[in-house]
Amino acid sequence: MSLDDSTAGLSKMSIDISKAFIRKLSTQGEKFTTEKFRTLKVTY
C-alpha cells in the first residue's frame, strides 16, 4: 500500500479505475456535477 504516494500501489489502481469508470459513463452521456462527485466520494 502507498498511503502517501498516489502514484503507486493501491492508490494508483483506485485512481485509474475511477478515471476509467467516469470516462466510460461520460461517453454514454452521463453528466457529472459537483454533487455527483461528492456522492461518489462519500459512498466509496
Protein backbone atom coordinates (compact mmCIF):
# COMPACT_ATOMS: atom_id res chain seq x y z
CA MET A 1 0.00 0.00 0.00
CA SER A 2 1.11 3.52 -0.68
CA LEU A 3 -0.83 5.81 1.60
CA ASP A 4 1.45 8.78 1.00
CA ASP A 5 2.13 8.21 -2.70
CA SER A 6 -0.81 8.48 -5.09
CA THR A 7 1.36 7.32 -7.99
CA ALA A 8 1.93 3.78 -6.71
CA GLY A 9 0.17 0.74 -5.32
CA LEU A 10 -3.49 0.60 -4.42
CA SER A 11 -3.84 4.38 -4.55
CA LYS A 12 -2.83 4.45 -8.22
CA MET A 13 -5.03 1.46 -9.01
CA SER A 14 -8.11 3.04 -7.43
CA ILE A 15 -7.47 6.35 -9.23
CA ASP A 16 -7.06 4.55 -12.57
CA ILE A 17 -10.27 2.55 -12.07
CA SER A 18 -12.19 5.69 -11.08
CA LYS A 19 -10.96 7.59 -14.14
CA ALA A 20 -11.90 4.72 -16.47
CA PHE A 21 -15.35 4.42 -14.87
CA ILE A 22 -16.05 8.16 -15.17
CA ARG A 23 -14.77 8.29 -18.76
CA LYS A 24 -16.97 5.37 -19.78
CA LEU A 25 -20.08 6.89 -18.23
CA SER A 26 -19.25 10.26 -19.82
CA THR A 27 -19.04 8.72 -23.28
CA GLN A 28 -22.51 7.31 -22.70
CA GLY A 29 -23.90 10.78 -21.98
CA GLU A 30 -23.80 10.86 -18.18
CA LYS A 31 -23.35 14.36 -16.78
CA PHE A 32 -21.11 14.71 -13.75
CA THR A 33 -21.92 17.56 -11.42
CA THR A 34 -20.22 18.56 -8.20
CA GLU A 35 -23.00 16.84 -6.29
CA LYS A 36 -22.45 13.55 -8.12
CA PHE A 37 -18.73 13.62 -7.40
CA ARG A 38 -19.46 14.40 -3.76
CA THR A 39 -21.88 11.47 -3.57
CA LEU A 40 -19.34 9.11 -5.16
CA LYS A 41 -16.66 10.25 -2.74
CA VAL A 42 -18.88 9.69 0.30
CA THR A 43 -20.17 6.35 -0.99
CA TYR A 44 -16.80 4.87 -1.87
